[in-house]
């Protein structure tokens, strides 16, 4: 179950549709699979610097959470 404002829920639906479409579906998503011990530090670094460089937000998703 998800909760949020109507705008947040609409954004979530768009995100899910884009992820379901996969790379062929286009969109502005990059999915990185990290398998090293310092993945959290790398994810936090990317979350900090990518928006500064591109103006695009980064969302870090931890599997199982």
Protein backbone atom coordinates (compact mmCIF):
# COMPACT_ATOMS: atom_id res chain seq x y z
CA UNK A 1 0.00 0.00 0.00
CA UNK A 2 1.25 3.45 -0.87
CA UNK A 3 0.30 6.82 0.53
CA UNK A 4 0.96 10.27 -0.80
CA UNK A 5 -0.52 13.31 -2.38
CA UNK A 6 -2.34 12.84 -5.70
CA UNK A 7 0.72 14.35 -7.42
CA UNK A 8 3.10 11.94 -5.68
CA UNK A 9 0.94 8.95 -6.56
CA UNK A 10 0.73 10.07 -10.19
CA UNK A 11 4.53 10.39 -10.32
CA UNK A 12 4.90 6.94 -8.81
CA UNK A 13 2.58 5.46 -11.44
CA UNK A 14 4.60 7.13 -14.22
CA UNK A 15 7.81 5.80 -12.72
CA UNK A 16 6.48 2.25 -12.48
CA UNK A 17 5.26 2.37 -16.09
CA UNK A 18 8.65 3.64 -17.26
CA UNK A 19 10.53 0.96 -15.35
CA UNK A 20 8.20 -1.74 -16.67
CA UNK A 21 8.87 -0.55 -20.21
CA UNK A 22 12.57 -1.30 -19.82
CA UNK A 23 15.38 0.33 -21.78
CA UNK A 24 13.54 -0.01 -25.09
CA UNK A 25 10.72 2.13 -23.73
CA UNK A 26 12.89 5.21 -23.53
CA UNK A 27 12.58 7.56 -20.62
CA UNK A 28 15.10 9.22 -18.39
CA UNK A 29 16.03 6.30 -16.18
CA UNK A 30 19.37 4.72 -15.54
CA UNK A 31 19.51 1.58 -13.47
CA UNK A 32 22.82 0.66 -11.91
CA UNK A 33 23.29 -2.66 -10.17
CA UNK A 34 26.04 -2.42 -7.59
CA UNK A 35 27.66 -5.52 -6.12
CA UNK A 36 30.51 -4.19 -4.00
CA UNK A 37 30.85 -3.51 -0.29
CA UNK A 38 30.90 0.30 -0.65
CA UNK A 39 27.69 0.51 -2.69
CA UNK A 40 25.99 2.71 -0.11
CA UNK A 41 28.81 5.26 -0.25
CA UNK A 42 28.77 5.25 -4.07
CA UNK A 43 24.99 5.63 -4.14
CA UNK A 44 25.14 8.55 -1.71
CA UNK A 45 27.88 10.18 -3.77
CA UNK A 46 25.87 9.84 -6.99
CA UNK A 47 22.78 11.13 -5.21
CA UNK A 48 24.75 14.23 -4.23
CA UNK A 49 26.72 15.03 -7.41
CA UNK A 50 24.44 14.01 -10.28
CA UNK A 51 21.74 16.61 -9.50
CA UNK A 52 24.43 19.28 -9.30
CA UNK A 53 25.84 18.26 -12.68
CA UNK A 54 22.64 17.58 -14.58
CA UNK A 55 19.82 19.16 -12.59
CA UNK A 56 18.17 15.73 -12.46
CA UNK A 57 17.31 14.11 -9.14
CA UNK A 58 18.69 10.71 -8.16
CA UNK A 59 16.63 8.25 -6.16
CA UNK A 60 18.49 5.45 -4.40
CA UNK A 61 16.42 2.28 -4.06
CA UNK A 62 17.57 -0.42 -1.71
CA UNK A 63 16.23 -3.87 -2.63
CA UNK A 64 14.08 -5.39 0.05
CA UNK A 65 13.19 -2.09 1.69
